[in-house]
Amino acid sequence: MVQKRYLRVHEVKEGIEHYRYEEFADYQTLWFSAKSFITRATNGAAFQDKEYATNDINLNQYLFDGVTEEGIQIQISVPDLWDRGAILAKIYWDAAAGASADDKVSWGISGGALSDDDAIDAALGDQIVVDDGLVIVGDIHITPVSGAVIMA
């Protein structure tokens, strides 16, 4: 979510003081674990609780296969200050055993925003895709920041 803020800039030109206001974007970060999401009934990804063997670290995750386009969704209530502007996203992910460093992933992100008395079964906004590549199985991977995701 992007919140507009203004910065007061003080300048002195030719002995005269000037003040101006510059608009800048201030980003707020919201974190959602895998357990916050639900799998779609149509081509949904399978959910799994995984424990990493060495130090008993537990992680909730969804299993996406490399052939079928699968999806998960989240339903949240955002802060009242949100102006329904674009959002940005980063995906935190890992790959299953057997994946190789040549493997690439593409994450499609789209969304919609509902207000009082809006139809629930409405089309989502255009999908934005962010790509990433596997480094090492068992390491956390973080995608680059997505392009602007416009809510329908």
N, C-alpha and C. Protein backbone atom coordinates (compact mmCIF):
# COMPACT_ATOMS: atom_id res chain seq x y z
N MET A 1 0.84 -1.17 0.00
CA MET A 1 0.00 0.00 0.00
C MET A 1 0.89 1.23 0.00
N VAL A 2 0.48 2.20 -0.74
CA VAL A 2 1.25 3.43 -0.83
C VAL A 2 0.45 4.56 -0.21
N GLN A 3 1.06 5.26 0.70
CA GLN A 3 0.42 6.39 1.35
C GLN A 3 1.16 7.65 0.91
N LYS A 4 0.42 8.64 0.44
CA LYS A 4 1.04 9.89 0.00
C LYS A 4 1.40 10.74 1.21
N ARG A 5 2.61 11.25 1.19
CA ARG A 5 3.07 12.14 2.25
C ARG A 5 3.76 13.33 1.59
N TYR A 6 3.92 14.39 2.36
CA TYR A 6 4.55 15.59 1.84
C TYR A 6 5.72 15.97 2.73
N LEU A 7 6.78 16.36 2.09
CA LEU A 7 8.00 16.76 2.77
C LEU A 7 8.16 18.26 2.62
N ARG A 8 8.37 18.96 3.72
CA ARG A 8 8.58 20.41 3.66
C ARG A 8 10.06 20.65 3.40
N VAL A 9 10.34 21.35 2.32
CA VAL A 9 11.72 21.64 1.93
C VAL A 9 11.97 23.13 2.13
N HIS A 10 13.04 23.44 2.84
CA HIS A 10 13.42 24.83 3.11
C HIS A 10 14.62 25.18 2.22
N GLU A 11 14.51 26.28 1.48
CA GLU A 11 15.59 26.73 0.62
C GLU A 11 15.83 28.22 0.86
N VAL A 12 17.05 28.64 0.63
CA VAL A 12 17.37 30.06 0.65
C VAL A 12 17.96 30.39 -0.71
N LYS A 13 17.28 31.27 -1.45
CA LYS A 13 17.76 31.69 -2.76
C LYS A 13 17.88 33.22 -2.75
N GLU A 14 19.06 33.68 -3.07
CA GLU A 14 19.33 35.12 -3.13
C GLU A 14 18.90 35.83 -1.85
N GLY A 15 19.17 35.16 -0.72
CA GLY A 15 18.87 35.75 0.57
C GLY A 15 17.41 35.68 0.99
N ILE A 16 16.55 35.04 0.19
CA ILE A 16 15.12 34.94 0.51
C ILE A 16 14.80 33.48 0.82
N GLU A 17 14.11 33.30 1.94
CA GLU A 17 13.73 31.95 2.33
C GLU A 17 12.50 31.49 1.55
N HIS A 18 12.54 30.25 1.11
CA HIS A 18 11.42 29.64 0.38
C HIS A 18 11.09 28.30 1.03
N TYR A 19 9.84 28.01 1.05
CA TYR A 19 9.39 26.70 1.51
C TYR A 19 8.54 26.10 0.41
N ARG A 20 8.74 24.85 0.17
CA ARG A 20 7.90 24.14 -0.79
C ARG A 20 7.63 22.75 -0.24
N TYR A 21 6.60 22.14 -0.76
CA TYR A 21 6.23 20.80 -0.32
C TYR A 21 6.36 19.85 -1.48
N GLU A 22 7.06 18.75 -1.27
CA GLU A 22 7.24 17.73 -2.28
C GLU A 22 6.51 16.46 -1.85
N GLU A 23 5.77 15.92 -2.76
CA GLU A 23 5.06 14.67 -2.48
C GLU A 23 6.02 13.50 -2.63
N PHE A 24 5.92 12.53 -1.73
CA PHE A 24 6.71 11.31 -1.88
C PHE A 24 5.86 10.14 -1.43
N ALA A 25 6.22 8.97 -1.90
CA ALA A 25 5.47 7.75 -1.57
C ALA A 25 6.09 7.09 -0.34
N ASP A 26 5.26 6.70 0.55
CA ASP A 26 5.68 6.00 1.76
C ASP A 26 5.01 4.63 1.73
N TYR A 27 5.78 3.59 1.73
CA TYR A 27 5.23 2.25 1.62
C TYR A 27 5.02 1.63 2.99
N GLN A 28 3.92 0.92 3.12
CA GLN A 28 3.66 0.16 4.33
C GLN A 28 3.77 -1.31 3.97
N THR A 29 4.38 -2.09 4.82
CA THR A 29 4.59 -3.50 4.56
C THR A 29 3.63 -4.33 5.40
N LEU A 30 2.96 -5.26 4.74
CA LEU A 30 2.11 -6.23 5.41
C LEU A 30 2.66 -7.60 5.08
N TRP A 31 2.85 -8.44 6.08
CA TRP A 31 3.40 -9.79 5.88
C TRP A 31 2.29 -10.80 6.05
N PHE A 32 2.22 -11.77 5.15
CA PHE A 32 1.23 -12.85 5.24
C PHE A 32 1.95 -14.17 5.10
N SER A 33 1.81 -15.05 6.09
CA SER A 33 2.41 -16.38 6.00
C SER A 33 1.56 -17.25 5.08
N ALA A 34 2.09 -18.37 4.68
CA ALA A 34 1.35 -19.28 3.80
C ALA A 34 0.03 -19.70 4.44
N LYS A 35 0.01 -19.82 5.76
CA LYS A 35 -1.21 -20.26 6.44
C LYS A 35 -2.34 -19.22 6.34
N SER A 36 -2.01 -17.99 5.97
CA SER A 36 -3.02 -16.94 5.79
C SER A 36 -3.82 -17.13 4.50
N PHE A 37 -3.29 -17.91 3.58
CA PHE A 37 -3.91 -18.11 2.28
C PHE A 37 -4.81 -19.33 2.30
N ILE A 38 -5.68 -19.42 1.30
CA ILE A 38 -6.49 -20.62 1.08
C ILE A 38 -6.26 -21.08 -0.35
N THR A 39 -6.36 -22.37 -0.55
CA THR A 39 -6.19 -22.91 -1.89
C THR A 39 -7.48 -22.76 -2.69
N ARG A 40 -7.36 -22.50 -3.97
CA ARG A 40 -8.54 -22.39 -4.83
C ARG A 40 -9.16 -23.77 -5.01
N ALA A 41 -10.48 -23.81 -5.18
CA ALA A 41 -11.16 -25.08 -5.48
C ALA A 41 -10.79 -25.55 -6.88
N THR A 42 -10.58 -24.63 -7.80
CA THR A 42 -10.18 -24.96 -9.16
C THR A 42 -8.68 -24.78 -9.28
N ASN A 43 -7.96 -25.87 -9.54
CA ASN A 43 -6.50 -25.86 -9.70
C ASN A 43 -5.79 -25.20 -8.52
N GLY A 44 -6.18 -25.57 -7.33
CA GLY A 44 -5.53 -25.03 -6.15
C GLY A 44 -4.26 -25.78 -5.82
N ALA A 45 -3.30 -25.09 -5.24
CA ALA A 45 -2.05 -25.72 -4.80
C ALA A 45 -2.30 -26.46 -3.49
N ALA A 46 -1.59 -27.55 -3.27
CA ALA A 46 -1.72 -28.34 -2.04
C ALA A 46 -0.96 -27.67 -0.90
N PHE A 47 -1.55 -27.66 0.29
CA PHE A 47 -0.93 -27.07 1.48
C PHE A 47 -0.13 -28.13 2.21
N GLN A 48 0.98 -27.72 2.83
CA GLN A 48 1.80 -28.66 3.59
C GLN A 48 2.45 -27.95 4.77
N ASP A 49 2.47 -28.63 5.92
CA ASP A 49 3.30 -28.22 7.05
C ASP A 49 4.61 -29.00 6.91
N LYS A 50 5.72 -28.30 6.78
CA LYS A 50 7.01 -28.97 6.58
C LYS A 50 7.92 -28.70 7.75
N GLU A 51 8.63 -29.75 8.17
CA GLU A 51 9.66 -29.58 9.19
C GLU A 51 11.01 -29.88 8.56
N TYR A 52 11.92 -28.91 8.65
CA TYR A 52 13.28 -29.11 8.16
C TYR A 52 14.02 -29.96 9.20
N ALA A 53 14.69 -31.00 8.73
CA ALA A 53 15.16 -32.09 9.59
C ALA A 53 16.25 -31.71 10.59
N THR A 54 17.21 -30.91 10.22
CA THR A 54 18.38 -30.68 11.07
C THR A 54 18.05 -29.96 12.36
N ASN A 55 17.32 -28.84 12.29
CA ASN A 55 17.04 -28.03 13.48
C ASN A 55 15.57 -27.96 13.84
N ASP A 56 14.76 -28.83 13.24
CA ASP A 56 13.32 -28.90 13.51
C ASP A 56 12.61 -27.56 13.28
N ILE A 57 13.01 -26.84 12.23
CA ILE A 57 12.35 -25.60 11.84
C ILE A 57 11.10 -25.96 11.05
N ASN A 58 9.97 -25.41 11.45
CA ASN A 58 8.70 -25.71 10.78
C ASN A 58 8.29 -24.54 9.90
N LEU A 59 7.70 -24.88 8.77
CA LEU A 59 7.30 -23.88 7.79
C LEU A 59 6.01 -24.33 7.13
N ASN A 60 5.07 -23.41 7.01
CA ASN A 60 3.85 -23.68 6.24
C ASN A 60 4.15 -23.32 4.80
N GLN A 61 3.68 -24.15 3.88
CA GLN A 61 3.95 -23.87 2.48
C GLN A 61 2.89 -24.47 1.57
N TYR A 62 2.85 -23.96 0.36
CA TYR A 62 2.00 -24.53 -0.69
C TYR A 62 2.90 -25.19 -1.72
N LEU A 63 2.43 -26.30 -2.25
CA LEU A 63 3.19 -27.06 -3.24
C LEU A 63 2.61 -26.79 -4.63
N PHE A 64 3.37 -26.12 -5.46
CA PHE A 64 2.97 -25.83 -6.83
C PHE A 64 3.74 -26.76 -7.74
N ASP A 65 3.05 -27.42 -8.67
CA ASP A 65 3.80 -28.28 -9.59
C ASP A 65 4.29 -27.45 -10.77
N GLY A 66 5.20 -28.03 -11.54
CA GLY A 66 5.81 -27.30 -12.64
C GLY A 66 5.04 -27.37 -13.95
N VAL A 67 3.88 -28.02 -13.94
CA VAL A 67 3.14 -28.23 -15.19
C VAL A 67 1.84 -27.45 -15.20
N THR A 68 1.07 -27.55 -14.13
CA THR A 68 -0.26 -26.95 -14.06
C THR A 68 -0.19 -25.58 -13.40
N GLU A 69 -0.93 -24.62 -13.93
CA GLU A 69 -1.02 -23.32 -13.26
C GLU A 69 -1.96 -23.49 -12.08
N GLU A 70 -1.44 -23.32 -10.87
CA GLU A 70 -2.22 -23.50 -9.65
C GLU A 70 -2.28 -22.19 -8.89
N GLY A 71 -3.27 -22.07 -8.00
CA GLY A 71 -3.42 -20.80 -7.32
C GLY A 71 -3.84 -20.92 -5.88
N ILE A 72 -3.55 -19.84 -5.16
CA ILE A 72 -4.00 -19.65 -3.78
C ILE A 72 -4.53 -18.23 -3.69
N GLN A 73 -5.32 -17.96 -2.67
CA GLN A 73 -5.91 -16.64 -2.50
C GLN A 73 -5.86 -16.24 -1.03
N ILE A 74 -5.95 -14.93 -0.83
CA ILE A 74 -6.02 -14.40 0.52
C ILE A 74 -7.15 -13.38 0.58
N GLN A 75 -7.80 -13.32 1.72
CA GLN A 75 -8.86 -12.35 1.95
C GLN A 75 -8.47 -11.56 3.18
N ILE A 76 -8.27 -10.26 3.01
CA ILE A 76 -7.84 -9.43 4.12
C ILE A 76 -8.67 -8.15 4.18
N SER A 77 -8.67 -7.55 5.33
CA SER A 77 -9.24 -6.22 5.50
C SER A 77 -8.06 -5.28 5.68
N VAL A 78 -7.95 -4.29 4.81
CA VAL A 78 -6.80 -3.40 4.85
C VAL A 78 -7.11 -2.16 5.70
N PRO A 79 -6.08 -1.44 6.12
CA PRO A 79 -6.32 -0.23 6.91
C PRO A 79 -7.19 0.78 6.16
N ASP A 80 -7.99 1.53 6.90
CA ASP A 80 -8.90 2.51 6.31
C ASP A 80 -8.18 3.58 5.50
N LEU A 81 -6.91 3.85 5.78
CA LEU A 81 -6.20 4.89 5.06
C LEU A 81 -5.85 4.50 3.62
N TRP A 82 -5.99 3.23 3.25
CA TRP A 82 -5.66 2.79 1.90
C TRP A 82 -6.59 3.46 0.90
N ASP A 83 -6.02 4.01 -0.15
CA ASP A 83 -6.80 4.74 -1.14
C ASP A 83 -7.16 3.90 -2.37
N ARG A 84 -7.07 2.59 -2.25
CA ARG A 84 -7.33 1.64 -3.35
C ARG A 84 -6.33 1.80 -4.49
N GLY A 85 -5.19 2.36 -4.17
CA GLY A 85 -4.12 2.48 -5.16
C GLY A 85 -3.42 1.15 -5.35
N ALA A 86 -2.46 1.14 -6.24
CA ALA A 86 -1.72 -0.08 -6.56
C ALA A 86 -0.98 -0.63 -5.33
N ILE A 87 -0.77 -1.92 -5.34
CA ILE A 87 0.05 -2.56 -4.31
C ILE A 87 1.27 -3.16 -5.00
N LEU A 88 2.29 -3.46 -4.21
CA LEU A 88 3.49 -4.14 -4.68
C LEU A 88 3.61 -5.42 -3.88
N ALA A 89 4.28 -6.42 -4.45
CA ALA A 89 4.40 -7.69 -3.75
C ALA A 89 5.79 -8.29 -3.91
N LYS A 90 6.22 -9.01 -2.89
CA LYS A 90 7.41 -9.86 -2.95
C LYS A 90 6.97 -11.23 -2.45
N ILE A 91 7.43 -12.27 -3.11
CA ILE A 91 7.07 -13.63 -2.72
C ILE A 91 8.29 -14.27 -2.05
N TYR A 92 8.07 -14.88 -0.91
CA TYR A 92 9.10 -15.63 -0.19
C TYR A 92 8.84 -17.11 -0.47
N TRP A 93 9.83 -17.82 -0.96
CA TRP A 93 9.58 -19.19 -1.40
C TRP A 93 10.81 -20.07 -1.28
N ASP A 94 10.58 -21.37 -1.41
CA ASP A 94 11.63 -22.39 -1.47
C ASP A 94 11.17 -23.42 -2.49
N ALA A 95 12.03 -24.30 -2.88
CA ALA A 95 11.70 -25.35 -3.85
C ALA A 95 11.83 -26.71 -3.20
N ALA A 96 11.18 -27.69 -3.81
CA ALA A 96 11.19 -29.07 -3.31
C ALA A 96 12.50 -29.76 -3.67
N ALA A 97 12.81 -30.80 -2.91
CA ALA A 97 13.97 -31.63 -3.21
C ALA A 97 13.85 -32.13 -4.66
N GLY A 98 14.97 -32.17 -5.34
CA GLY A 98 14.98 -32.60 -6.74
C GLY A 98 14.99 -31.44 -7.71
N ALA A 99 14.70 -30.23 -7.23
CA ALA A 99 14.77 -29.05 -8.10
C ALA A 99 16.25 -28.72 -8.32
N SER A 100 16.54 -28.02 -9.43
CA SER A 100 17.93 -27.69 -9.73
C SER A 100 18.10 -26.19 -9.89
N ALA A 101 19.35 -25.75 -9.84
CA ALA A 101 19.66 -24.33 -9.91
C ALA A 101 19.23 -23.70 -11.24
N ASP A 102 18.92 -24.49 -12.23
CA ASP A 102 18.45 -23.94 -13.51
C ASP A 102 16.96 -23.67 -13.50
N ASP A 103 16.26 -24.09 -12.46
CA ASP A 103 14.80 -23.94 -12.42
C ASP A 103 14.40 -22.48 -12.19
N LYS A 104 13.36 -22.08 -12.90
CA LYS A 104 12.82 -20.73 -12.79
C LYS A 104 11.37 -20.82 -12.34
N VAL A 105 10.90 -19.79 -11.67
CA VAL A 105 9.49 -19.72 -11.26
C VAL A 105 8.91 -18.38 -11.70
N SER A 106 7.63 -18.38 -11.99
CA SER A 106 6.90 -17.16 -12.32
C SER A 106 5.69 -17.09 -11.40
N TRP A 107 5.55 -15.98 -10.71
CA TRP A 107 4.44 -15.78 -9.79
C TRP A 107 3.49 -14.76 -10.39
N GLY A 108 2.24 -15.13 -10.57
CA GLY A 108 1.23 -14.21 -11.07
C GLY A 108 0.46 -13.62 -9.89
N ILE A 109 0.32 -12.30 -9.88
CA ILE A 109 -0.32 -11.61 -8.76
C ILE A 109 -1.43 -10.72 -9.33
N SER A 110 -2.63 -10.88 -8.81
CA SER A 110 -3.74 -10.02 -9.20
C SER A 110 -4.64 -9.85 -7.98
N GLY A 111 -5.54 -8.91 -8.04
CA GLY A 111 -6.39 -8.69 -6.87
C GLY A 111 -7.61 -7.87 -7.18
N GLY A 112 -8.46 -7.82 -6.20
CA GLY A 112 -9.67 -7.03 -6.27
C GLY A 112 -9.96 -6.43 -4.91
N ALA A 113 -10.71 -5.36 -4.90
CA ALA A 113 -11.08 -4.70 -3.65
C ALA A 113 -12.59 -4.55 -3.63
N LEU A 114 -13.19 -4.94 -2.53
CA LEU A 114 -14.64 -4.87 -2.39
C LEU A 114 -15.02 -3.88 -1.30
N SER A 115 -16.07 -3.15 -1.57
CA SER A 115 -16.66 -2.24 -0.59
C SER A 115 -18.06 -2.72 -0.28
N ASP A 116 -18.72 -2.06 0.62
CA ASP A 116 -20.07 -2.43 1.01
C ASP A 116 -20.97 -2.55 -0.22
N ASP A 117 -21.70 -3.66 -0.32
CA ASP A 117 -22.68 -3.94 -1.36
C ASP A 117 -22.07 -4.21 -2.73
N ASP A 118 -20.75 -4.50 -2.82
CA ASP A 118 -20.13 -4.90 -4.08
C ASP A 118 -20.35 -6.39 -4.31
N ALA A 119 -20.43 -6.79 -5.56
CA ALA A 119 -20.56 -8.21 -5.90
C ALA A 119 -19.29 -8.94 -5.49
N ILE A 120 -19.42 -10.07 -4.83
CA ILE A 120 -18.27 -10.85 -4.37
C ILE A 120 -17.58 -11.54 -5.54
N ASP A 121 -18.35 -12.10 -6.47
CA ASP A 121 -17.78 -12.87 -7.58
C ASP A 121 -17.45 -11.94 -8.74
N ALA A 122 -16.57 -10.98 -8.50
CA ALA A 122 -16.18 -10.01 -9.52
C ALA A 122 -14.80 -10.37 -10.07
N ALA A 123 -14.54 -9.95 -11.30
CA ALA A 123 -13.23 -10.21 -11.92
C ALA A 123 -12.14 -9.48 -11.16
N LEU A 124 -10.96 -10.09 -11.13
CA LEU A 124 -9.80 -9.47 -10.50
C LEU A 124 -9.11 -8.56 -11.52
N GLY A 125 -8.20 -7.74 -11.05
CA GLY A 125 -7.43 -6.87 -11.94
C GLY A 125 -6.45 -7.66 -12.79
N ASP A 126 -5.79 -6.99 -13.70
CA ASP A 126 -4.81 -7.64 -14.58
C ASP A 126 -3.70 -8.28 -13.75
N GLN A 127 -3.25 -9.44 -14.21
CA GLN A 127 -2.19 -10.16 -13.52
C GLN A 127 -0.83 -9.54 -13.82
N ILE A 128 -0.05 -9.36 -12.79
CA ILE A 128 1.34 -8.92 -12.90
C ILE A 128 2.21 -10.13 -12.57
N VAL A 129 3.23 -10.36 -13.37
CA VAL A 129 4.09 -11.53 -13.18
C VAL A 129 5.46 -11.08 -12.69
N VAL A 130 5.96 -11.78 -11.68
CA VAL A 130 7.32 -11.55 -11.19
C VAL A 130 8.05 -12.89 -11.28
N ASP A 131 9.24 -12.87 -11.86
CA ASP A 131 10.03 -14.08 -12.09
C ASP A 131 11.19 -14.15 -11.12
N ASP A 132 11.59 -15.37 -10.81
CA ASP A 132 12.73 -15.60 -9.93
C ASP A 132 13.36 -16.94 -10.30
N GLY A 133 14.56 -17.17 -9.82
CA GLY A 133 15.25 -18.42 -10.10
C GLY A 133 15.72 -19.09 -8.82
N LEU A 134 15.77 -20.40 -8.87
CA LEU A 134 16.22 -21.19 -7.72
C LEU A 134 17.73 -21.04 -7.55
N VAL A 135 18.16 -20.83 -6.32
CA VAL A 135 19.58 -20.81 -6.00
C VAL A 135 19.94 -22.16 -5.38
N ILE A 136 19.38 -22.44 -4.20
CA ILE A 136 19.64 -23.71 -3.51
C ILE A 136 18.37 -24.15 -2.82
N VAL A 137 18.00 -25.43 -2.99
CA VAL A 137 16.86 -25.98 -2.27
C VAL A 137 17.16 -25.91 -0.77
N GLY A 138 16.17 -25.47 0.01
CA GLY A 138 16.33 -25.36 1.45
C GLY A 138 16.73 -23.96 1.90
N ASP A 139 16.95 -23.05 0.94
CA ASP A 139 17.24 -21.65 1.26
C ASP A 139 15.98 -20.82 1.01
N ILE A 140 15.82 -19.73 1.74
CA ILE A 140 14.71 -18.82 1.46
C ILE A 140 15.05 -18.03 0.21
N HIS A 141 14.09 -17.89 -0.66
CA HIS A 141 14.24 -17.10 -1.88
C HIS A 141 13.22 -15.96 -1.80
N ILE A 142 13.61 -14.79 -2.20
CA ILE A 142 12.72 -13.62 -2.17
C ILE A 142 12.74 -13.01 -3.56
N THR A 143 11.56 -12.91 -4.17
CA THR A 143 11.48 -12.35 -5.51
C THR A 143 11.82 -10.86 -5.49
N PRO A 144 12.14 -10.32 -6.66
CA PRO A 144 12.19 -8.86 -6.77
C PRO A 144 10.78 -8.29 -6.48
N VAL A 145 10.70 -7.01 -6.21
CA VAL A 145 9.41 -6.37 -6.02
C VAL A 145 8.65 -6.41 -7.34
N SER A 146 7.39 -6.75 -7.26
CA SER A 146 6.56 -6.82 -8.47
C SER A 146 6.32 -5.44 -9.04
N GLY A 147 5.79 -5.42 -10.24
CA GLY A 147 5.26 -4.17 -10.78
C GLY A 147 3.99 -3.82 -10.03
N ALA A 148 3.41 -2.69 -10.36
CA ALA A 148 2.19 -2.23 -9.68
C ALA A 148 1.03 -3.15 -9.97
N VAL A 149 0.42 -3.67 -8.93
CA VAL A 149 -0.76 -4.54 -9.04
C VAL A 149 -1.98 -3.65 -8.81
N ILE A 150 -2.79 -3.51 -9.83
CA ILE A 150 -3.98 -2.66 -9.76
C ILE A 150 -5.17 -3.50 -9.33
N MET A 151 -5.85 -3.10 -8.28
CA MET A 151 -7.03 -3.81 -7.79
C MET A 151 -8.23 -3.49 -8.68
N ALA A 152 -8.97 -4.51 -9.04
CA ALA A 152 -10.19 -4.29 -9.85
C ALA A 152 -11.30 -3.79 -8.95
